[in-house]
């Protein structure tokens, strides 16, 4: 028997009922916003290739493993383009059509994309995500009349959350709190960073399954650090055993359908020395002051400047290592970012109701100095008409977080 080897096919296996994290109307509203961007720039089609934008507009969060993926949006259609290894999952987990490309012949992915967009059209793409190689292939196969980078415009849309997104993010913050309490309960002299991290991760995954029984579960994680390992916010977990007097960093990151939330807290094992307590309390004061500044009308650079002044007055600014907070939504440690909503000196975005942003000052004292270690507190706030609603509820400070 001769086997037909097609360039692509549709494998619509199963149904879409209750598979998406949001209602169909939520995705139609997002696509309507994208159509506004297309009209503004005179685009015939948009080729989205990043995990965050494909997930945001279609609902499908892909796992690339070296393969290209896309969501192609025209004036009438929304089509995800996926690899055969995923079978029917992209169809079930997307709002629109899905086409599977085969690997029988090189560049079948681009042939599928071109079949949806057509040749010689005005194409929107994500210039911050396309590699040089893939940009060349886009031009070779689509032969666009004109190309337009829409990465900034889509980021602007994602920065302003819908009520449904905010509801999901609040669930995520609640789940992070659950992980925080599980970590606190697991802290004891002799326990390893890995053991404590596993307790927090397991608690969060169980809580997500309880709240969202029809979801897909992936990528929830914990960074639990101790001693010298607290000096960086993204330091990986080790197998170091906790000792009395250690500084600890609790970092809980639940992932719900591509939506990332976080809880970060400073703790100490059993006791905290005077030098460490002074640094910790200063960082807590900066944290509380920073949260009071997060309200509509404040710009990211303005908030940053005020916290800088606050720390400089206390001779602590030199120990700050990064920005004071960032947006939340469809993003993760390995994909996605809404860089236009970060609390840094070079970001002038003005806060608006519907935005979601963290306050997370960190001070790092070098090893061998009094109070050595990294101190970080992190709360998530939803910007409302009245100000900032803090949706993080796990306590911070020495009254609760000297444990074990």
Protein backbone atom coordinates (compact mmCIF):
# COMPACT_ATOMS: atom_id res chain seq x y z
CA UNK A 1 0.00 0.00 0.00
CA UNK A 2 1.29 3.46 -0.89
CA UNK A 3 1.13 5.94 1.99
CA UNK A 4 0.18 9.48 1.06
CA UNK A 5 2.60 11.97 2.57
CA UNK A 6 0.78 15.32 2.74
CA UNK A 7 2.34 18.67 3.59
CA UNK A 8 -0.42 19.28 6.14
CA UNK A 9 -3.77 18.00 7.37
CA UNK A 10 -6.50 18.74 9.91
CA UNK A 11 -6.72 16.41 12.89
CA UNK A 12 -9.76 17.67 14.79
CA UNK A 13 -9.77 14.93 17.38
CA UNK A 14 -12.33 15.42 20.13
CA UNK A 15 -14.30 18.54 20.94
CA UNK A 16 -13.62 21.98 22.38
CA UNK A 17 -16.31 22.00 25.08
CA UNK A 18 -14.97 23.31 28.39
CA UNK A 19 -11.37 22.90 27.18
CA UNK A 20 -10.39 26.57 27.19
CA UNK A 21 -9.53 28.56 30.33
CA UNK A 22 -11.88 31.39 29.29
CA UNK A 23 -15.22 31.72 27.51
CA UNK A 24 -15.45 31.94 23.75
CA UNK A 25 -16.54 35.56 24.13
CA UNK A 26 -13.31 36.41 25.97
CA UNK A 27 -11.27 35.19 22.99
CA UNK A 28 -13.56 36.92 20.50
CA UNK A 29 -13.02 40.17 22.44
CA UNK A 30 -9.24 39.70 22.31
CA UNK A 31 -9.37 39.00 18.59
CA UNK A 32 -11.52 42.11 18.11
CA UNK A 33 -8.73 44.09 19.77
CA UNK A 34 -6.20 42.48 17.41
CA UNK A 35 -8.42 43.34 14.44
CA UNK A 36 -8.32 46.96 15.61
CA UNK A 37 -4.51 46.77 15.53
CA UNK A 38 -4.68 45.26 12.05
CA UNK A 39 -6.97 48.03 10.82
CA UNK A 40 -4.75 50.72 12.35
CA UNK A 41 -1.70 49.40 10.49
CA UNK A 42 -3.48 48.31 7.33
CA UNK A 43 -2.65 44.62 7.84
CA UNK A 44 -4.17 41.77 5.87
CA UNK A 45 -3.00 39.11 8.31
CA UNK A 46 -0.96 38.62 11.48
CA UNK A 47 1.47 35.75 12.05
CA UNK A 48 1.90 35.30 15.80
CA UNK A 49 4.78 33.01 16.78
CA UNK A 50 5.43 33.60 20.50
CA UNK A 51 3.99 31.31 23.18
CA UNK A 52 2.38 34.22 24.98
CA UNK A 53 0.60 35.72 21.98
CA UNK A 54 -0.48 32.38 20.53
CA UNK A 55 -1.96 31.49 23.94
CA UNK A 56 -3.48 34.94 24.51
CA UNK A 57 -5.40 35.08 21.23
CA UNK A 58 -6.17 31.40 20.60
CA UNK A 59 -6.02 29.65 23.99
CA UNK A 60 -3.38 27.14 22.82
CA UNK A 61 -0.13 27.14 24.81
CA UNK A 62 2.37 25.23 22.75
CA UNK A 63 5.48 23.26 23.70
CA UNK A 64 7.87 23.91 20.82
CA UNK A 65 10.75 21.48 21.48
CA UNK A 66 12.59 23.02 18.54
CA UNK A 67 9.58 23.20 16.21
CA UNK A 68 7.89 26.37 14.91
CA UNK A 69 4.30 27.16 15.92
CA UNK A 70 1.95 29.96 14.99
CA UNK A 71 -1.47 31.50 15.30
CA UNK A 72 -2.42 33.12 12.00
CA UNK A 73 -5.16 35.73 12.21
CA UNK A 74 -6.84 37.20 9.15
CA UNK A 75 -9.87 39.46 8.95
CA UNK A 76 -12.10 36.39 9.12
CA UNK A 77 -10.10 33.51 10.59
CA UNK A 78 -7.97 32.45 13.56
CA UNK A 79 -5.88 29.38 12.74
CA UNK A 80 -3.27 27.69 14.91
CA UNK A 81 -0.47 25.87 13.08
CA UNK A 82 1.03 22.98 15.01
CA UNK A 83 3.26 19.93 14.65
CA UNK A 84 2.00 16.37 14.27
CA UNK A 85 3.48 15.36 17.61
CA UNK A 86 0.65 17.27 19.34
CA UNK A 87 -2.13 15.40 17.51
CA UNK A 88 -5.55 16.84 18.39
CA UNK A 89 -4.60 18.83 21.49
CA UNK A 90 -4.06 22.15 19.66
CA UNK A 91 -7.52 21.81 18.11
CA UNK A 92 -9.19 21.09 21.43
CA UNK A 93 -7.36 23.92 23.18
CA UNK A 94 -7.88 26.73 20.69
CA UNK A 95 -10.78 28.98 19.83
CA UNK A 96 -10.45 28.64 16.05
CA UNK A 97 -9.26 26.27 13.36
CA UNK A 98 -6.10 24.19 13.56
CA UNK A 99 -3.85 22.87 10.80
CA UNK A 100 -1.14 20.28 11.43
CA UNK A 101 2.02 20.52 9.35
CA UNK A 102 4.09 17.41 8.64
CA UNK A 103 7.85 17.02 8.63
CA UNK A 104 7.97 14.89 5.47
CA UNK A 105 9.44 17.90 3.72
CA UNK A 106 11.40 20.84 5.13
CA UNK A 107 9.47 24.10 5.68
CA UNK A 108 5.98 22.62 5.54
CA UNK A 109 5.21 24.93 8.47
CA UNK A 110 5.76 27.98 6.29
CA UNK A 111 3.74 26.47 3.43
CA UNK A 112 0.79 26.13 5.80
CA UNK A 113 1.19 29.70 7.07
CA UNK A 114 1.34 31.00 3.51
CA UNK A 115 -1.77 29.01 2.58
CA UNK A 116 -3.69 30.94 5.25
CA UNK A 117 -2.26 34.41 4.68
CA UNK A 118 -1.78 34.28 0.92
CA UNK A 119 1.21 35.80 -0.85
CA UNK A 120 1.94 39.49 -1.40
CA UNK A 121 -0.08 40.68 1.61
CA UNK A 122 0.65 43.20 4.34
CA UNK A 123 1.74 41.01 7.26
CA UNK A 124 2.08 41.76 10.95
CA UNK A 125 4.66 39.77 12.92
CA UNK A 126 6.53 39.75 16.21
CA UNK A 127 9.98 41.10 15.40
CA UNK A 128 11.15 40.51 18.96
CA UNK A 129 10.44 36.79 18.61
CA UNK A 130 11.37 35.84 15.04
CA UNK A 131 14.93 34.63 14.65
CA UNK A 132 16.88 35.85 11.62
CA UNK A 133 16.38 32.46 10.00
CA UNK A 134 12.61 32.43 10.52
CA UNK A 135 12.28 36.05 9.41
CA UNK A 136 13.99 35.10 6.15
CA UNK A 137 11.65 32.14 5.67
CA UNK A 138 8.61 34.32 6.35
CA UNK A 139 9.75 36.67 3.59
CA UNK A 140 10.58 33.80 1.23
CA UNK A 141 7.28 31.93 1.58
CA UNK A 142 4.79 34.75 2.21
CA UNK A 143 6.46 37.32 -0.07
CA UNK A 144 4.83 40.12 1.92
CA UNK A 145 4.04 43.43 0.28
CA UNK A 146 5.00 45.00 3.59
CA UNK A 147 5.88 43.73 7.05
CA UNK A 148 4.93 45.44 10.30
CA UNK A 149 6.18 44.66 13.81
CA UNK A 150 3.11 44.37 16.06
CA UNK A 151 4.88 43.06 19.18
CA UNK A 152 4.57 46.37 21.06
CA UNK A 153 0.91 46.81 20.09
CA UNK A 154 -0.05 43.31 21.24
CA UNK A 155 1.87 43.85 24.48
CA UNK A 156 -0.12 47.02 25.08
CA UNK A 157 -3.32 45.03 24.66
CA UNK A 158 -2.16 42.28 27.03
CA UNK A 159 -1.16 44.82 29.70
CA UNK A 160 -4.81 45.80 30.22
CA UNK A 161 -6.55 42.82 31.79
CA UNK A 162 -10.18 41.85 31.35
CA UNK A 163 -12.35 41.02 34.39
CA UNK A 164 -12.00 37.33 33.50
CA UNK A 165 -8.21 37.57 33.48
CA UNK A 166 -8.17 39.41 36.80
CA UNK A 167 -10.39 36.71 38.32
CA UNK A 168 -7.93 34.01 37.16
CA UNK A 169 -4.94 36.00 38.43
CA UNK A 170 -6.61 36.31 41.84
CA UNK A 171 -6.99 32.54 41.96
CA UNK A 172 -3.30 32.29 41.14
CA UNK A 173 -2.36 34.63 43.99
CA UNK A 174 -4.49 32.54 46.37
CA UNK A 175 -2.74 29.37 45.18
CA UNK A 176 0.66 31.00 45.74
CA UNK A 177 -0.39 31.74 49.34
CA UNK A 178 -1.20 28.04 49.79
CA UNK A 179 2.29 27.18 48.58
CA UNK A 180 3.80 29.73 50.95
CA UNK A 181 2.14 28.20 53.99
CA UNK A 182 3.24 24.70 52.93
CA UNK A 183 6.82 25.91 52.59
CA UNK A 184 6.73 27.60 56.00
CA UNK A 185 5.50 24.35 57.55
CA UNK A 186 8.35 22.41 55.91
CA UNK A 187 11.16 24.68 57.13
CA UNK A 188 13.34 23.05 59.79
CA UNK A 189 17.03 22.67 60.52
CA UNK A 190 18.41 19.89 58.34
CA UNK A 191 15.72 20.05 55.65
CA UNK A 192 17.12 20.70 52.18
CA UNK A 193 16.13 23.44 49.77
CA UNK A 194 14.88 20.74 47.41
CA UNK A 195 12.68 19.07 50.04
CA UNK A 196 11.10 22.36 51.06
CA UNK A 197 10.56 23.41 47.44
CA UNK A 198 8.82 20.13 46.67
CA UNK A 199 6.38 20.66 49.55
CA UNK A 200 5.38 24.06 48.16
CA UNK A 201 5.08 22.87 44.59
CA UNK A 202 2.96 19.84 45.49
CA UNK A 203 0.61 21.95 47.61
CA UNK A 204 0.10 24.43 44.77
CA UNK A 205 -0.53 21.79 42.13
CA UNK A 206 -3.12 20.10 44.34
CA UNK A 207 -4.81 23.46 44.93
CA UNK A 208 -4.87 24.30 41.21
CA UNK A 209 -6.47 20.91 40.46
CA UNK A 210 -9.06 21.56 43.14
CA UNK A 211 -9.97 25.00 41.75
CA UNK A 212 -9.68 24.10 38.07
CA UNK A 213 -10.51 20.40 37.62
CA UNK A 214 -10.71 20.67 33.81
CA UNK A 215 -7.40 22.51 33.30
CA UNK A 216 -4.09 21.24 31.98
CA UNK A 217 -1.34 21.20 34.62
CA UNK A 218 2.14 22.32 33.74
CA UNK A 219 5.05 24.47 34.84
CA UNK A 220 4.13 25.33 38.45
CA UNK A 221 7.40 25.64 40.34
CA UNK A 222 9.17 26.88 43.49
CA UNK A 223 12.53 28.56 43.94
CA UNK A 224 13.42 28.09 47.60
CA UNK A 225 16.85 29.45 48.46
CA UNK A 226 18.95 29.60 51.62
CA UNK A 227 22.09 31.37 52.81
CA UNK A 228 24.35 32.55 49.99
CA UNK A 229 21.89 31.13 47.46
CA UNK A 230 19.43 33.95 48.30
CA UNK A 231 21.61 36.59 46.61
CA UNK A 232 19.83 36.32 43.23
CA UNK A 233 16.11 36.37 42.61
CA UNK A 234 16.25 33.56 40.03
CA UNK A 235 18.82 31.25 41.61
CA UNK A 236 17.83 27.60 41.20
CA UNK A 237 17.09 25.24 44.05
CA UNK A 238 20.00 23.24 45.50
CA UNK A 239 20.27 20.32 47.92
CA UNK A 240 21.82 22.48 50.66
CA UNK A 241 20.59 21.65 54.18
CA UNK A 242 19.12 24.49 56.23
CA UNK A 243 21.01 25.70 59.30
CA UNK A 244 19.83 27.72 62.27
CA UNK A 245 20.07 31.44 61.56
CA UNK A 246 19.93 31.00 57.76
CA UNK A 247 18.24 33.64 55.64
CA UNK A 248 15.69 32.07 53.28
CA UNK A 249 13.88 33.18 50.12
CA UNK A 250 10.44 31.68 49.53
CA UNK A 251 9.35 31.97 45.88
CA UNK A 252 6.07 30.34 44.77
CA UNK A 253 5.07 30.40 41.11
CA UNK A 254 1.77 28.75 40.24
CA UNK A 255 0.95 28.49 36.53
CA UNK A 256 -2.72 28.28 35.57
CA UNK A 257 -3.40 27.95 31.83
CA UNK A 258 -0.34 30.02 30.99
CA UNK A 259 -1.07 32.67 33.63
CA UNK A 260 1.81 33.22 36.02
CA UNK A 261 1.52 34.57 39.56
CA UNK A 262 4.08 34.83 42.33
CA UNK A 263 4.63 35.05 46.07
CA UNK A 264 8.08 35.94 47.39
CA UNK A 265 9.05 36.32 51.04
CA UNK A 266 12.14 36.56 53.25
CA UNK A 267 12.35 34.12 56.17
CA UNK A 268 14.93 33.07 58.75
CA UNK A 269 15.49 29.70 60.36
CA UNK A 270 14.96 29.89 64.14
CA UNK A 271 16.49 33.33 64.75
CA UNK A 272 17.53 36.54 63.02
CA UNK A 273 20.58 38.58 64.05
CA UNK A 274 20.42 42.36 64.56
CA UNK A 275 22.26 43.32 61.34
CA UNK A 276 19.99 41.13 59.24
CA UNK A 277 16.90 42.44 60.99
CA UNK A 278 17.85 46.04 60.14
CA UNK A 279 18.19 45.24 56.43
CA UNK A 280 15.01 43.16 56.44
CA UNK A 281 12.96 45.88 58.13
CA UNK A 282 14.30 48.51 55.72
CA UNK A 283 13.28 46.39 52.74
CA UNK A 284 9.84 45.82 54.27
CA UNK A 285 9.44 49.57 54.72
CA UNK A 286 10.37 50.11 51.06
CA UNK A 287 7.88 47.41 50.10
CA UNK A 288 5.04 49.02 52.03
CA UNK A 289 5.92 52.47 50.71
CA UNK A 290 6.08 51.14 47.16
CA UNK A 291 2.67 49.49 47.42
CA UNK A 292 1.19 52.80 48.58
CA UNK A 293 2.42 54.41 45.34
CA UNK A 294 0.70 51.97 42.98
CA UNK A 295 -2.42 53.85 41.94
CA UNK A 296 -3.94 55.17 38.70
CA UNK A 297 -2.05 58.10 37.20
CA UNK A 298 1.37 57.18 38.62
CA UNK A 299 4.05 56.36 36.06
CA UNK A 300 6.42 53.42 36.42
CA UNK A 301 9.48 55.71 36.37
CA UNK A 302 7.91 58.03 38.96
CA UNK A 303 7.25 55.15 41.36
CA UNK A 304 10.80 53.89 40.81
CA UNK A 305 12.33 57.31 41.52
CA UNK A 306 10.39 57.67 44.77
CA UNK A 307 11.48 54.25 46.08
CA UNK A 308 15.07 55.05 45.04
CA UNK A 309 14.91 58.23 47.12
CA UNK A 310 13.42 56.27 50.03
CA UNK A 311 16.29 53.78 50.02
CA UNK A 312 18.96 56.41 49.41
CA UNK A 313 17.83 58.33 52.50
CA UNK A 314 18.46 55.13 54.46
CA UNK A 315 21.81 54.50 52.73
CA UNK A 316 20.54 51.26 51.21
CA UNK A 317 20.08 52.13 47.52
CA UNK A 318 23.47 50.66 46.60
CA UNK A 319 22.17 47.22 47.57
CA UNK A 320 19.27 47.28 45.07
CA UNK A 321 19.93 45.00 42.08
CA UNK A 322 16.90 45.21 39.72
CA UNK A 323 13.51 46.86 39.13
CA UNK A 324 10.78 47.06 41.73
CA UNK A 325 8.00 45.15 39.99
CA UNK A 326 6.38 44.00 36.75
CA UNK A 327 3.15 43.09 35.03
CA UNK A 328 1.34 39.77 35.34
CA UNK A 329 -0.65 37.79 32.79
CA UNK A 330 0.25 35.30 30.05
CA UNK A 331 3.94 35.05 30.85
CA UNK A 332 6.46 32.76 32.45
CA UNK A 333 10.11 32.32 33.33
CA UNK A 334 10.76 30.92 29.87
CA UNK A 335 8.30 32.81 27.69
CA UNK A 336 6.47 36.08 27.63
CA UNK A 337 7.03 39.45 29.18
CA UNK A 338 5.15 42.74 29.28
CA UNK A 339 8.21 44.93 29.45
CA UNK A 340 6.17 48.10 29.02
CA UNK A 341 4.79 47.66 32.53
CA UNK A 342 7.86 47.32 34.72
CA UNK A 343 8.90 49.52 37.62
CA UNK A 344 12.19 50.81 36.23
CA UNK A 345 13.77 54.16 35.54
CA UNK A 346 13.35 53.84 31.76
CA UNK A 347 9.65 52.90 31.68
CA UNK A 348 7.20 55.82 31.58
CA UNK A 349 3.95 53.83 31.29
CA UNK A 350 1.17 55.37 33.39
CA UNK A 351 -0.78 52.97 35.60
CA UNK A 352 -4.43 52.45 34.66
CA UNK A 353 -7.33 50.49 36.15
CA UNK A 354 -7.17 46.91 34.87
CA UNK A 355 -3.41 46.65 35.01
CA UNK A 356 -1.83 44.09 37.34
CA UNK A 357 1.61 44.74 38.77
CA UNK A 358 3.88 43.54 41.55
CA UNK A 359 5.82 45.41 44.19
CA UNK A 360 9.01 43.48 44.93
CA UNK A 361 11.99 45.45 46.24
CA UNK A 362 15.14 43.44 46.87
CA UNK A 363 18.32 44.29 48.75
CA UNK A 364 21.39 42.06 48.48
CA UNK A 365 24.25 42.22 51.01
CA UNK A 366 27.46 40.50 49.93
CA UNK A 367 28.72 37.36 51.61
CA UNK A 368 30.92 38.08 54.62
CA UNK A 369 29.24 41.41 55.40
CA UNK A 370 26.89 41.96 58.37
CA UNK A 371 23.37 40.96 57.34
CA UNK A 372 24.61 39.03 54.28
CA UNK A 373 21.96 37.62 51.94
CA UNK A 374 19.13 38.61 49.63
CA UNK A 375 15.98 40.21 51.08
CA UNK A 376 12.84 40.27 48.94
CA UNK A 377 9.14 40.75 49.53
CA UNK A 378 6.60 40.47 46.71
CA UNK A 379 2.89 41.30 46.53
CA UNK A 380 0.63 41.49 43.46
CA UNK A 381 -1.69 44.47 43.12
CA UNK A 382 -4.63 45.02 40.77
CA UNK A 383 -4.94 48.68 39.80
CA UNK A 384 -8.50 49.90 40.34
CA UNK A 385 -10.21 53.30 40.14
CA UNK A 386 -9.56 53.72 43.88
CA UNK A 387 -5.91 52.62 43.99
CA UNK A 388 -4.12 49.30 44.24
CA UNK A 389 -5.88 46.15 45.50
CA UNK A 390 -3.35 43.82 47.12
CA UNK A 391 -4.35 40.25 46.22
CA UNK A 392 -1.42 38.61 48.08
CA UNK A 393 -2.32 37.57 51.62
CA UNK A 394 0.59 35.53 52.98
CA UNK A 395 2.13 37.69 55.78
CA UNK A 396 5.56 39.29 55.50
CA UNK A 397 8.04 40.27 58.19
CA UNK A 398 9.81 38.83 61.25
CA UNK A 399 6.63 38.43 63.29
CA UNK A 400 5.54 35.51 61.08
CA UNK A 401 8.59 34.42 59.12
CA UNK A 402 11.23 33.48 61.70
CA UNK A 403 10.42 29.76 61.69
CA UNK A 404 11.72 26.25 62.17
